[in-house]
Amino acid sequence: MVLFTEAETLRLLDLYVHFRANPRNVTANGVLLKMHARDELTRAMNKSFGREQPWTESQVSVKFKNLRSEYVELRWLASQSGTVVRG
């Protein structure tokens, strides 16, 4: 399991938005980044944070996939009556 700090997670999301803004970087379904964009995103993550061992494209992709799943769960929970979302 690979742990990202809060700052790394926020940077990952910022970079995703940046790369996703260019239609050439997005797959046909409009959600996932194409391979060249994922590689650039990984390089940008590694440039942003000096780490002993750099992130791999696979680690960054898995983290982003997990973030998407958590977001979907949060949206679902928020839609349930009686759920109070804080923060």
N, C-alpha and C. Protein backbone atom coordinates (compact mmCIF):
# COMPACT_ATOMS: atom_id res chain seq x y z
N MET A 1 0.84 -1.18 0.00
CA MET A 1 0.00 0.00 0.00
C MET A 1 0.89 1.24 0.00
N VAL A 2 0.52 2.19 -0.81
CA VAL A 2 1.29 3.42 -0.92
C VAL A 2 0.49 4.55 -0.29
N LEU A 3 1.12 5.28 0.59
CA LEU A 3 0.44 6.38 1.26
C LEU A 3 0.87 7.71 0.67
N PHE A 4 -0.10 8.53 0.36
CA PHE A 4 0.15 9.88 -0.12
C PHE A 4 -0.16 10.84 1.03
N THR A 5 0.64 11.89 1.16
CA THR A 5 0.32 12.92 2.14
C THR A 5 -0.86 13.74 1.62
N GLU A 6 -1.43 14.54 2.49
CA GLU A 6 -2.54 15.40 2.05
C GLU A 6 -2.08 16.35 0.94
N ALA A 7 -0.89 16.92 1.10
CA ALA A 7 -0.36 17.84 0.07
C ALA A 7 -0.18 17.12 -1.26
N GLU A 8 0.31 15.89 -1.22
CA GLU A 8 0.50 15.12 -2.46
C GLU A 8 -0.84 14.80 -3.12
N THR A 9 -1.83 14.48 -2.31
CA THR A 9 -3.16 14.18 -2.85
C THR A 9 -3.77 15.41 -3.50
N LEU A 10 -3.66 16.56 -2.85
CA LEU A 10 -4.19 17.80 -3.42
C LEU A 10 -3.44 18.17 -4.70
N ARG A 11 -2.14 17.97 -4.72
CA ARG A 11 -1.36 18.25 -5.94
C ARG A 11 -1.78 17.31 -7.06
N LEU A 12 -2.02 16.05 -6.75
CA LEU A 12 -2.48 15.08 -7.75
C LEU A 12 -3.78 15.55 -8.37
N LEU A 13 -4.71 16.01 -7.56
CA LEU A 13 -5.99 16.49 -8.08
C LEU A 13 -5.81 17.75 -8.93
N ASP A 14 -4.95 18.66 -8.49
CA ASP A 14 -4.67 19.87 -9.29
C ASP A 14 -4.08 19.51 -10.65
N LEU A 15 -3.13 18.59 -10.65
CA LEU A 15 -2.51 18.17 -11.91
C LEU A 15 -3.51 17.48 -12.82
N TYR A 16 -4.37 16.65 -12.23
CA TYR A 16 -5.39 15.98 -13.03
C TYR A 16 -6.28 17.01 -13.73
N VAL A 17 -6.73 18.01 -13.00
CA VAL A 17 -7.58 19.05 -13.60
C VAL A 17 -6.82 19.76 -14.72
N HIS A 18 -5.55 20.05 -14.50
CA HIS A 18 -4.73 20.71 -15.51
C HIS A 18 -4.64 19.87 -16.79
N PHE A 19 -4.30 18.60 -16.65
CA PHE A 19 -4.15 17.74 -17.82
C PHE A 19 -5.50 17.43 -18.48
N ARG A 20 -6.53 17.32 -17.68
CA ARG A 20 -7.86 17.00 -18.22
C ARG A 20 -8.43 18.17 -19.03
N ALA A 21 -7.97 19.38 -18.78
CA ALA A 21 -8.45 20.56 -19.51
C ALA A 21 -8.13 20.48 -21.00
N ASN A 22 -7.12 19.70 -21.36
CA ASN A 22 -6.75 19.53 -22.76
C ASN A 22 -7.45 18.28 -23.30
N PRO A 23 -8.38 18.42 -24.25
CA PRO A 23 -9.13 17.26 -24.76
C PRO A 23 -8.24 16.16 -25.35
N ARG A 24 -7.04 16.50 -25.80
CA ARG A 24 -6.14 15.48 -26.36
C ARG A 24 -5.61 14.53 -25.29
N ASN A 25 -5.72 14.93 -24.04
CA ASN A 25 -5.21 14.11 -22.93
C ASN A 25 -6.24 13.13 -22.38
N VAL A 26 -7.49 13.25 -22.80
CA VAL A 26 -8.59 12.49 -22.19
C VAL A 26 -9.04 11.36 -23.12
N THR A 27 -9.35 10.21 -22.53
CA THR A 27 -9.85 9.08 -23.30
C THR A 27 -11.27 9.37 -23.80
N ALA A 28 -11.77 8.50 -24.65
CA ALA A 28 -13.08 8.70 -25.29
C ALA A 28 -14.22 8.85 -24.28
N ASN A 29 -14.11 8.19 -23.13
CA ASN A 29 -15.19 8.29 -22.13
C ASN A 29 -15.14 9.60 -21.35
N GLY A 30 -14.07 10.37 -21.52
CA GLY A 30 -13.98 11.69 -20.90
C GLY A 30 -13.58 11.72 -19.45
N VAL A 31 -13.21 10.58 -18.88
CA VAL A 31 -12.85 10.54 -17.46
C VAL A 31 -11.35 10.28 -17.27
N LEU A 32 -10.84 9.28 -17.95
CA LEU A 32 -9.46 8.85 -17.73
C LEU A 32 -8.50 9.61 -18.63
N LEU A 33 -7.27 9.75 -18.13
CA LEU A 33 -6.22 10.37 -18.93
C LEU A 33 -5.55 9.33 -19.81
N LYS A 34 -5.14 9.76 -21.00
CA LYS A 34 -4.39 8.87 -21.89
C LYS A 34 -3.00 8.64 -21.31
N MET A 35 -2.34 7.62 -21.82
CA MET A 35 -1.04 7.19 -21.27
C MET A 35 -0.03 8.34 -21.22
N HIS A 36 0.10 9.11 -22.31
CA HIS A 36 1.10 10.18 -22.30
C HIS A 36 0.80 11.22 -21.22
N ALA A 37 -0.47 11.49 -20.98
CA ALA A 37 -0.85 12.45 -19.93
C ALA A 37 -0.59 11.87 -18.54
N ARG A 38 -0.83 10.56 -18.37
CA ARG A 38 -0.54 9.92 -17.07
C ARG A 38 0.96 9.96 -16.79
N ASP A 39 1.76 9.74 -17.83
CA ASP A 39 3.22 9.82 -17.66
C ASP A 39 3.64 11.23 -17.26
N GLU A 40 3.07 12.23 -17.93
CA GLU A 40 3.39 13.62 -17.60
C GLU A 40 2.95 13.96 -16.18
N LEU A 41 1.77 13.48 -15.80
CA LEU A 41 1.26 13.73 -14.46
C LEU A 41 2.20 13.12 -13.42
N THR A 42 2.67 11.91 -13.67
CA THR A 42 3.59 11.25 -12.74
C THR A 42 4.90 12.02 -12.65
N ARG A 43 5.43 12.45 -13.79
CA ARG A 43 6.67 13.25 -13.77
C ARG A 43 6.46 14.55 -12.97
N ALA A 44 5.32 15.20 -13.17
CA ALA A 44 5.03 16.43 -12.45
C ALA A 44 4.91 16.18 -10.95
N MET A 45 4.28 15.07 -10.57
CA MET A 45 4.19 14.72 -9.14
C MET A 45 5.59 14.55 -8.55
N ASN A 46 6.44 13.83 -9.27
CA ASN A 46 7.79 13.58 -8.77
C ASN A 46 8.61 14.86 -8.71
N LYS A 47 8.37 15.78 -9.62
CA LYS A 47 9.08 17.05 -9.62
C LYS A 47 8.60 17.92 -8.45
N SER A 48 7.32 17.81 -8.10
CA SER A 48 6.74 18.63 -7.03
C SER A 48 7.20 18.21 -5.64
N PHE A 49 7.48 16.92 -5.48
CA PHE A 49 7.82 16.40 -4.15
C PHE A 49 9.09 15.57 -4.24
N GLY A 50 10.14 16.06 -3.58
CA GLY A 50 11.37 15.29 -3.54
C GLY A 50 11.19 14.08 -2.63
N ARG A 51 11.24 12.92 -3.22
CA ARG A 51 11.07 11.68 -2.45
C ARG A 51 12.30 10.82 -2.67
N GLU A 52 12.57 9.98 -1.68
CA GLU A 52 13.68 9.04 -1.82
C GLU A 52 13.45 8.12 -3.01
N GLN A 53 12.24 7.64 -3.13
CA GLN A 53 11.87 6.76 -4.24
C GLN A 53 10.73 7.43 -5.00
N PRO A 54 10.92 7.73 -6.29
CA PRO A 54 9.87 8.44 -7.03
C PRO A 54 8.61 7.60 -7.20
N TRP A 55 7.48 8.29 -7.37
CA TRP A 55 6.22 7.61 -7.65
C TRP A 55 6.31 6.94 -9.01
N THR A 56 5.67 5.80 -9.13
CA THR A 56 5.54 5.16 -10.44
C THR A 56 4.19 5.56 -11.03
N GLU A 57 4.05 5.41 -12.33
CA GLU A 57 2.77 5.72 -12.99
C GLU A 57 1.67 4.85 -12.40
N SER A 58 2.00 3.61 -12.11
CA SER A 58 1.03 2.68 -11.54
C SER A 58 0.54 3.15 -10.17
N GLN A 59 1.44 3.59 -9.31
CA GLN A 59 1.06 4.06 -7.98
C GLN A 59 0.15 5.28 -8.08
N VAL A 60 0.51 6.20 -8.97
CA VAL A 60 -0.29 7.42 -9.13
C VAL A 60 -1.68 7.06 -9.68
N SER A 61 -1.73 6.14 -10.64
CA SER A 61 -3.02 5.72 -11.21
C SER A 61 -3.91 5.05 -10.17
N VAL A 62 -3.32 4.18 -9.36
CA VAL A 62 -4.10 3.50 -8.32
C VAL A 62 -4.63 4.52 -7.31
N LYS A 63 -3.79 5.46 -6.91
CA LYS A 63 -4.23 6.48 -5.96
C LYS A 63 -5.39 7.27 -6.53
N PHE A 64 -5.29 7.65 -7.81
CA PHE A 64 -6.36 8.42 -8.41
C PHE A 64 -7.64 7.59 -8.53
N LYS A 65 -7.50 6.33 -8.87
CA LYS A 65 -8.67 5.44 -8.94
C LYS A 65 -9.35 5.36 -7.58
N ASN A 66 -8.57 5.23 -6.52
CA ASN A 66 -9.12 5.17 -5.17
C ASN A 66 -9.83 6.47 -4.79
N LEU A 67 -9.25 7.60 -5.20
CA LEU A 67 -9.88 8.89 -4.91
C LEU A 67 -11.24 8.99 -5.60
N ARG A 68 -11.31 8.52 -6.84
CA ARG A 68 -12.59 8.55 -7.57
C ARG A 68 -13.62 7.69 -6.85
N SER A 69 -13.21 6.52 -6.39
CA SER A 69 -14.14 5.63 -5.66
C SER A 69 -14.63 6.28 -4.38
N GLU A 70 -13.72 6.91 -3.64
CA GLU A 70 -14.11 7.58 -2.40
C GLU A 70 -15.07 8.72 -2.68
N TYR A 71 -14.84 9.44 -3.76
CA TYR A 71 -15.72 10.55 -4.13
C TYR A 71 -17.12 10.04 -4.45
N VAL A 72 -17.21 8.94 -5.19
CA VAL A 72 -18.51 8.35 -5.52
C VAL A 72 -19.23 7.92 -4.25
N GLU A 73 -18.51 7.31 -3.33
CA GLU A 73 -19.12 6.89 -2.06
C GLU A 73 -19.62 8.10 -1.27
N LEU A 74 -18.82 9.16 -1.24
CA LEU A 74 -19.22 10.36 -0.52
C LEU A 74 -20.47 10.98 -1.14
N ARG A 75 -20.52 11.03 -2.45
CA ARG A 75 -21.71 11.56 -3.14
C ARG A 75 -22.94 10.72 -2.81
N TRP A 76 -22.77 9.40 -2.81
CA TRP A 76 -23.89 8.51 -2.50
C TRP A 76 -24.36 8.74 -1.06
N LEU A 77 -23.40 8.79 -0.13
CA LEU A 77 -23.77 9.02 1.26
C LEU A 77 -24.49 10.35 1.43
N ALA A 78 -24.01 11.38 0.75
CA ALA A 78 -24.62 12.70 0.86
C ALA A 78 -26.05 12.70 0.35
N SER A 79 -26.36 11.80 -0.57
CA SER A 79 -27.72 11.75 -1.12
C SER A 79 -28.70 10.99 -0.23
N GLN A 80 -28.18 10.31 0.78
CA GLN A 80 -29.04 9.52 1.68
C GLN A 80 -29.64 10.43 2.74
N SER A 81 -30.93 10.24 3.00
CA SER A 81 -31.58 11.08 4.00
C SER A 81 -30.96 10.83 5.37
N GLY A 82 -30.81 11.90 6.12
CA GLY A 82 -30.27 11.80 7.46
C GLY A 82 -28.75 11.87 7.53
N THR A 83 -28.08 11.91 6.39
CA THR A 83 -26.62 12.00 6.38
C THR A 83 -26.20 13.46 6.47
N VAL A 84 -25.30 13.75 7.39
CA VAL A 84 -24.76 15.09 7.53
C VAL A 84 -23.31 15.04 7.08
N VAL A 85 -22.98 15.81 6.05
CA VAL A 85 -21.61 15.85 5.53
C VAL A 85 -20.92 17.07 6.11
N ARG A 86 -19.78 16.84 6.71
CA ARG A 86 -18.99 17.93 7.29
C ARG A 86 -17.64 17.96 6.62
N GLY A 87 -17.26 19.13 6.11
CA GLY A 87 -15.94 19.32 5.53
C GLY A 87 -15.75 18.73 4.25
